[in-house]
């Protein structure tokens, strides 16, 4: 059974930091492209960051320079370090694992940036 379990969300003040984690099980983790998406209320889900099996990373323009995606294949875990958070970063953050025709999603973790 495939499971992606996100953690690390919460309430943080503007300018603060959070680190999200996504622990995967039931998949050959090292073969998967891992991505973080987010969805704010009333908006479409958007791609935030991705990391390939070769650890090549890509970011949305809105988070470039503030967020860092990384992976630990030994722990089957992908991370999203989020710094200099802004109120517009408030959203539910979802982990995604992609390989060929396979796409798996986590249940999401809420990030709220507010003073």
N, C-alpha and C. Protein backbone atom coordinates (compact mmCIF):
# COMPACT_ATOMS: atom_id res chain seq x y z
N UNK A 1 0.85 -1.20 0.00
CA UNK A 1 0.00 0.00 0.00
C UNK A 1 0.89 1.25 0.00
N UNK A 2 0.60 2.14 -0.94
CA UNK A 2 1.40 3.36 -1.06
C UNK A 2 0.88 4.41 -0.07
N UNK A 3 1.81 5.01 0.64
CA UNK A 3 1.44 6.11 1.54
C UNK A 3 2.45 7.23 1.43
N UNK A 4 1.94 8.44 1.35
CA UNK A 4 2.76 9.65 1.46
C UNK A 4 2.20 10.43 2.63
N UNK A 5 3.02 10.67 3.63
CA UNK A 5 2.54 11.33 4.84
C UNK A 5 3.33 12.62 5.06
N UNK A 6 2.62 13.74 4.92
CA UNK A 6 3.25 15.04 5.14
C UNK A 6 3.18 15.43 6.61
N UNK A 7 4.15 16.21 7.03
CA UNK A 7 4.16 16.77 8.38
C UNK A 7 4.96 18.06 8.38
N UNK A 8 4.84 18.81 9.47
CA UNK A 8 5.63 20.02 9.63
C UNK A 8 4.90 21.31 9.38
N UNK A 9 3.63 21.23 8.98
CA UNK A 9 2.86 22.45 8.77
C UNK A 9 2.50 23.10 10.10
N UNK A 10 1.93 24.30 10.01
CA UNK A 10 1.52 25.00 11.22
C UNK A 10 1.32 26.47 10.97
N UNK A 11 1.23 27.21 12.06
CA UNK A 11 1.05 28.66 12.02
C UNK A 11 2.40 29.32 12.27
N UNK A 12 2.75 30.27 11.41
CA UNK A 12 4.03 30.96 11.55
C UNK A 12 3.82 32.43 11.20
N UNK A 13 4.61 33.29 11.80
CA UNK A 13 4.51 34.72 11.50
C UNK A 13 5.22 35.04 10.19
N UNK A 14 4.81 36.11 9.54
CA UNK A 14 5.52 36.53 8.32
C UNK A 14 7.02 36.70 8.60
N UNK A 15 7.82 36.21 7.65
CA UNK A 15 9.27 36.24 7.82
C UNK A 15 9.83 35.01 8.48
N UNK A 16 8.96 34.16 9.00
CA UNK A 16 9.39 32.96 9.69
C UNK A 16 9.70 31.81 8.74
N UNK A 17 10.03 30.67 9.33
CA UNK A 17 10.42 29.48 8.57
C UNK A 17 9.67 28.25 9.04
N UNK A 18 9.50 27.32 8.13
CA UNK A 18 8.97 26.00 8.42
C UNK A 18 9.70 25.00 7.54
N UNK A 19 9.77 23.77 8.02
CA UNK A 19 10.27 22.69 7.18
C UNK A 19 9.22 21.59 7.11
N UNK A 20 8.76 21.34 5.90
CA UNK A 20 7.81 20.26 5.66
C UNK A 20 8.56 18.98 5.34
N UNK A 21 7.98 17.86 5.77
CA UNK A 21 8.52 16.55 5.45
C UNK A 21 7.43 15.71 4.80
N UNK A 22 7.83 14.81 3.95
CA UNK A 22 6.90 13.86 3.34
C UNK A 22 7.59 12.50 3.33
N UNK A 23 7.06 11.60 4.15
CA UNK A 23 7.61 10.25 4.25
C UNK A 23 6.81 9.31 3.37
N UNK A 24 7.52 8.61 2.50
CA UNK A 24 6.88 7.71 1.54
C UNK A 24 7.09 6.26 1.94
N UNK A 25 6.08 5.44 1.66
CA UNK A 25 6.21 4.00 1.86
C UNK A 25 5.43 3.30 0.76
N UNK A 26 5.85 2.08 0.43
CA UNK A 26 5.14 1.31 -0.58
C UNK A 26 5.56 1.60 -2.01
N UNK A 27 6.59 2.45 -2.19
CA UNK A 27 7.08 2.76 -3.53
C UNK A 27 8.61 2.67 -3.54
N UNK A 28 9.17 2.52 -4.75
CA UNK A 28 10.61 2.59 -4.90
C UNK A 28 11.02 4.06 -4.93
N UNK A 29 11.13 4.62 -3.78
CA UNK A 29 11.24 6.08 -3.63
C UNK A 29 12.31 6.69 -4.52
N UNK A 30 13.47 6.09 -4.60
CA UNK A 30 14.58 6.69 -5.33
C UNK A 30 14.32 6.81 -6.82
N UNK A 31 13.33 6.11 -7.34
CA UNK A 31 13.00 6.18 -8.76
C UNK A 31 11.99 7.27 -9.09
N UNK A 32 11.43 7.87 -8.07
CA UNK A 32 10.34 8.82 -8.27
C UNK A 32 10.81 10.27 -8.27
N UNK A 33 10.24 11.05 -9.20
CA UNK A 33 10.33 12.50 -9.11
C UNK A 33 9.39 12.90 -7.96
N UNK A 34 9.90 13.73 -7.09
CA UNK A 34 9.09 14.19 -5.95
C UNK A 34 8.78 15.67 -6.10
N UNK A 35 7.55 16.00 -5.79
CA UNK A 35 7.08 17.39 -5.97
C UNK A 35 6.29 17.84 -4.76
N UNK A 36 6.33 19.14 -4.53
CA UNK A 36 5.44 19.79 -3.57
C UNK A 36 4.50 20.70 -4.34
N UNK A 37 3.22 20.56 -4.05
CA UNK A 37 2.19 21.44 -4.58
C UNK A 37 1.55 22.17 -3.40
N UNK A 38 0.81 23.21 -3.72
CA UNK A 38 0.00 23.87 -2.69
C UNK A 38 -1.30 24.35 -3.30
N UNK A 39 -2.29 24.47 -2.42
CA UNK A 39 -3.59 24.97 -2.85
C UNK A 39 -4.13 25.91 -1.79
N UNK A 40 -4.31 27.14 -2.19
CA UNK A 40 -4.90 28.15 -1.31
C UNK A 40 -6.41 28.16 -1.50
N UNK A 41 -7.16 28.64 -0.51
CA UNK A 41 -8.62 28.68 -0.64
C UNK A 41 -9.06 29.43 -1.89
N UNK A 42 -9.92 28.80 -2.66
CA UNK A 42 -10.46 29.44 -3.85
C UNK A 42 -9.52 29.48 -5.04
N UNK A 43 -8.37 28.83 -4.91
CA UNK A 43 -7.39 28.84 -6.00
C UNK A 43 -7.09 27.42 -6.46
N UNK A 44 -6.51 27.34 -7.66
CA UNK A 44 -6.12 26.03 -8.18
C UNK A 44 -4.84 25.55 -7.50
N UNK A 45 -4.68 24.24 -7.49
CA UNK A 45 -3.45 23.68 -6.97
C UNK A 45 -2.29 24.08 -7.89
N UNK A 46 -1.18 24.48 -7.28
CA UNK A 46 -0.03 24.90 -8.09
C UNK A 46 1.23 24.16 -7.66
N UNK A 47 2.10 23.95 -8.62
CA UNK A 47 3.37 23.30 -8.36
C UNK A 47 4.32 24.29 -7.70
N UNK A 48 4.89 23.90 -6.59
CA UNK A 48 5.80 24.77 -5.84
C UNK A 48 7.25 24.43 -6.13
N UNK A 49 7.57 23.13 -6.04
CA UNK A 49 8.96 22.72 -6.21
C UNK A 49 9.00 21.25 -6.61
N UNK A 50 10.08 20.88 -7.31
CA UNK A 50 10.26 19.49 -7.70
C UNK A 50 11.73 19.11 -7.60
N UNK A 51 11.96 17.81 -7.44
CA UNK A 51 13.33 17.29 -7.39
C UNK A 51 13.35 15.95 -8.11
N UNK A 52 14.28 15.81 -9.05
CA UNK A 52 14.35 14.58 -9.83
C UNK A 52 15.15 13.52 -9.09
N UNK A 53 15.26 12.36 -9.74
CA UNK A 53 16.05 11.29 -9.16
C UNK A 53 17.53 11.66 -9.14
N UNK A 54 17.93 12.58 -10.01
CA UNK A 54 19.32 13.06 -10.03
C UNK A 54 19.50 14.30 -9.17
N UNK A 55 18.44 14.62 -8.40
CA UNK A 55 18.46 15.79 -7.48
C UNK A 55 18.52 17.12 -8.22
N UNK A 56 18.03 17.15 -9.43
CA UNK A 56 17.86 18.42 -10.12
C UNK A 56 16.57 19.05 -9.59
N UNK A 57 16.65 20.30 -9.21
CA UNK A 57 15.51 20.97 -8.59
C UNK A 57 14.95 22.06 -9.48
N UNK A 58 13.68 22.37 -9.25
CA UNK A 58 13.01 23.46 -9.95
C UNK A 58 11.99 24.07 -9.01
N UNK A 59 11.75 25.37 -9.19
CA UNK A 59 10.87 26.10 -8.29
C UNK A 59 9.94 27.03 -9.05
N UNK A 60 8.78 27.25 -8.46
CA UNK A 60 7.90 28.30 -8.96
C UNK A 60 8.58 29.65 -8.72
N UNK A 61 8.32 30.60 -9.61
CA UNK A 61 8.94 31.92 -9.47
C UNK A 61 8.57 32.57 -8.13
N UNK A 62 7.39 32.26 -7.64
CA UNK A 62 6.90 32.90 -6.41
C UNK A 62 7.66 32.46 -5.16
N UNK A 63 8.39 31.33 -5.25
CA UNK A 63 9.10 30.84 -4.07
C UNK A 63 10.60 30.75 -4.27
N UNK A 64 11.06 31.03 -5.48
CA UNK A 64 12.47 30.91 -5.81
C UNK A 64 13.30 31.80 -4.89
N UNK A 65 14.36 31.22 -4.33
CA UNK A 65 15.21 31.96 -3.42
C UNK A 65 14.77 31.91 -1.97
N UNK A 66 13.56 31.41 -1.73
CA UNK A 66 13.04 31.31 -0.35
C UNK A 66 12.82 29.87 0.08
N UNK A 67 12.45 29.00 -0.86
CA UNK A 67 12.15 27.61 -0.55
C UNK A 67 13.25 26.72 -1.12
N UNK A 68 13.51 25.62 -0.42
CA UNK A 68 14.49 24.64 -0.89
C UNK A 68 13.91 23.24 -0.74
N UNK A 69 13.92 22.49 -1.83
CA UNK A 69 13.46 21.11 -1.80
C UNK A 69 14.69 20.20 -1.75
N UNK A 70 14.57 19.13 -0.99
CA UNK A 70 15.66 18.15 -0.89
C UNK A 70 15.05 16.78 -0.65
N UNK A 71 15.87 15.75 -0.84
CA UNK A 71 15.38 14.40 -0.62
C UNK A 71 16.45 13.56 0.07
N UNK A 72 15.98 12.59 0.85
CA UNK A 72 16.85 11.64 1.52
C UNK A 72 16.35 10.25 1.12
N UNK A 73 17.01 9.65 0.17
CA UNK A 73 16.54 8.36 -0.34
C UNK A 73 16.68 7.25 0.70
N UNK A 74 17.62 7.39 1.61
CA UNK A 74 17.78 6.39 2.66
C UNK A 74 16.59 6.39 3.62
N UNK A 75 15.96 7.54 3.77
CA UNK A 75 14.79 7.68 4.66
C UNK A 75 13.48 7.75 3.89
N UNK A 76 13.55 7.64 2.55
CA UNK A 76 12.33 7.73 1.73
C UNK A 76 11.54 9.00 2.04
N UNK A 77 12.25 10.08 2.16
CA UNK A 77 11.63 11.33 2.61
C UNK A 77 12.06 12.50 1.72
N UNK A 78 11.11 13.37 1.42
CA UNK A 78 11.39 14.61 0.73
C UNK A 78 11.04 15.76 1.67
N UNK A 79 11.82 16.82 1.57
CA UNK A 79 11.64 17.97 2.46
C UNK A 79 11.38 19.23 1.66
N UNK A 80 10.75 20.19 2.30
CA UNK A 80 10.61 21.53 1.74
C UNK A 80 10.93 22.52 2.85
N UNK A 81 12.10 23.12 2.75
CA UNK A 81 12.49 24.17 3.68
C UNK A 81 11.93 25.49 3.17
N UNK A 82 11.13 26.14 3.99
CA UNK A 82 10.47 27.38 3.59
C UNK A 82 10.94 28.50 4.51
N UNK A 83 11.61 29.47 3.92
CA UNK A 83 12.10 30.63 4.67
C UNK A 83 11.42 31.91 4.18
N UNK A 84 11.55 32.96 4.97
CA UNK A 84 10.97 34.26 4.61
C UNK A 84 9.53 34.11 4.17
N UNK A 85 8.76 33.42 4.97
CA UNK A 85 7.38 33.14 4.60
C UNK A 85 6.53 34.39 4.56
N UNK A 86 5.59 34.39 3.62
CA UNK A 86 4.69 35.52 3.41
C UNK A 86 3.25 35.06 3.60
N UNK A 87 2.35 35.98 3.89
CA UNK A 87 0.94 35.58 4.03
C UNK A 87 0.41 34.86 2.79
N UNK A 88 0.90 35.22 1.63
CA UNK A 88 0.42 34.57 0.40
C UNK A 88 0.94 33.14 0.24
N UNK A 89 1.81 32.70 1.12
CA UNK A 89 2.22 31.30 1.12
C UNK A 89 1.22 30.41 1.86
N UNK A 90 0.24 31.01 2.48
CA UNK A 90 -0.77 30.24 3.19
C UNK A 90 -1.52 29.33 2.24
N UNK A 91 -1.54 28.04 2.57
CA UNK A 91 -2.16 27.05 1.69
C UNK A 91 -2.05 25.67 2.35
N UNK A 92 -2.72 24.72 1.76
CA UNK A 92 -2.46 23.33 2.09
C UNK A 92 -1.36 22.85 1.14
N UNK A 93 -0.33 22.25 1.71
CA UNK A 93 0.80 21.77 0.93
C UNK A 93 0.72 20.25 0.78
N UNK A 94 0.84 19.81 -0.47
CA UNK A 94 0.72 18.40 -0.80
C UNK A 94 2.02 17.86 -1.37
N UNK A 95 2.33 16.66 -0.99
CA UNK A 95 3.46 15.93 -1.53
C UNK A 95 2.97 15.05 -2.68
N UNK A 96 3.76 14.97 -3.74
CA UNK A 96 3.42 14.15 -4.90
C UNK A 96 4.62 13.32 -5.32
N UNK A 97 4.37 12.05 -5.65
CA UNK A 97 5.41 11.16 -6.18
C UNK A 97 5.02 10.74 -7.58
N UNK A 98 5.93 10.95 -8.53
CA UNK A 98 5.62 10.69 -9.94
C UNK A 98 6.68 9.80 -10.55
N UNK A 99 6.20 8.71 -11.22
CA UNK A 99 7.11 7.83 -11.96
C UNK A 99 6.31 7.18 -13.07
N UNK A 100 6.62 7.49 -14.32
CA UNK A 100 5.89 6.93 -15.44
C UNK A 100 4.42 7.29 -15.37
N UNK A 101 3.56 6.27 -15.33
CA UNK A 101 2.12 6.52 -15.24
C UNK A 101 1.63 6.60 -13.80
N UNK A 102 2.54 6.46 -12.87
CA UNK A 102 2.16 6.47 -11.46
C UNK A 102 2.23 7.87 -10.87
N UNK A 103 1.18 8.24 -10.18
CA UNK A 103 1.12 9.51 -9.47
C UNK A 103 0.47 9.25 -8.13
N UNK A 104 1.17 9.54 -7.07
CA UNK A 104 0.62 9.36 -5.73
C UNK A 104 0.66 10.67 -4.97
N UNK A 105 -0.35 10.84 -4.09
CA UNK A 105 -0.49 12.10 -3.34
C UNK A 105 -0.61 11.83 -1.85
N UNK A 106 -0.11 12.77 -1.09
CA UNK A 106 -0.34 12.76 0.34
C UNK A 106 -1.64 13.46 0.67
N UNK A 107 -1.95 13.50 1.97
CA UNK A 107 -3.22 14.08 2.40
C UNK A 107 -3.13 15.59 2.60
N UNK A 108 -1.93 16.12 2.61
CA UNK A 108 -1.74 17.55 2.74
C UNK A 108 -1.46 17.99 4.17
N UNK A 109 -0.77 19.11 4.29
CA UNK A 109 -0.52 19.72 5.59
C UNK A 109 -0.74 21.22 5.48
N UNK A 110 -1.43 21.78 6.45
CA UNK A 110 -1.80 23.21 6.40
C UNK A 110 -0.63 24.08 6.83
N UNK A 111 -0.36 25.10 6.04
CA UNK A 111 0.60 26.13 6.39
C UNK A 111 -0.14 27.46 6.42
N UNK A 112 -0.07 28.13 7.54
CA UNK A 112 -0.72 29.43 7.70
C UNK A 112 0.32 30.46 8.13
N UNK A 113 0.43 31.52 7.34
CA UNK A 113 1.38 32.58 7.63
C UNK A 113 0.58 33.83 8.00
N UNK A 114 0.65 34.18 9.26
CA UNK A 114 -0.17 35.29 9.75
C UNK A 114 0.43 35.84 11.03
N UNK A 115 0.22 37.15 11.21
CA UNK A 115 0.67 37.77 12.46
C UNK A 115 -0.48 37.81 13.46
